[in-house]
Amino acid sequence: MQKLSTKRSTIYLDENIHQTLRIKAAETHRSISDLVNEAVKRTFAEDQQDLEAFEVRESEPLVSYEAMLKSLKSDGTI
């Protein structure tokens, strides 16, 4: 796997999040940057999966919230 170039960035984290990241980094022998990069990449991958799911379902008919509630009420679910 080719190593991509990196870019320096400043981020601001909640104090508790930062402390947790420091502990995890120490326990896993990884850097905070590595952990943050992994988390961001995972988030992007999830976003891509969501977009693919939307594309698959874009031809489905739209059902309004009100219509769905009526359907649930008529079949005894609510």
Foldseek 3Di string as FASTA:
>chain_A
DDDDDDDDDDDDDDPVVVVVLVVVCVVVVHDSVVVVVVVVVVVVVVVVVVVVVCVVCVPPDDDDPVNVVVVCVVVPVD
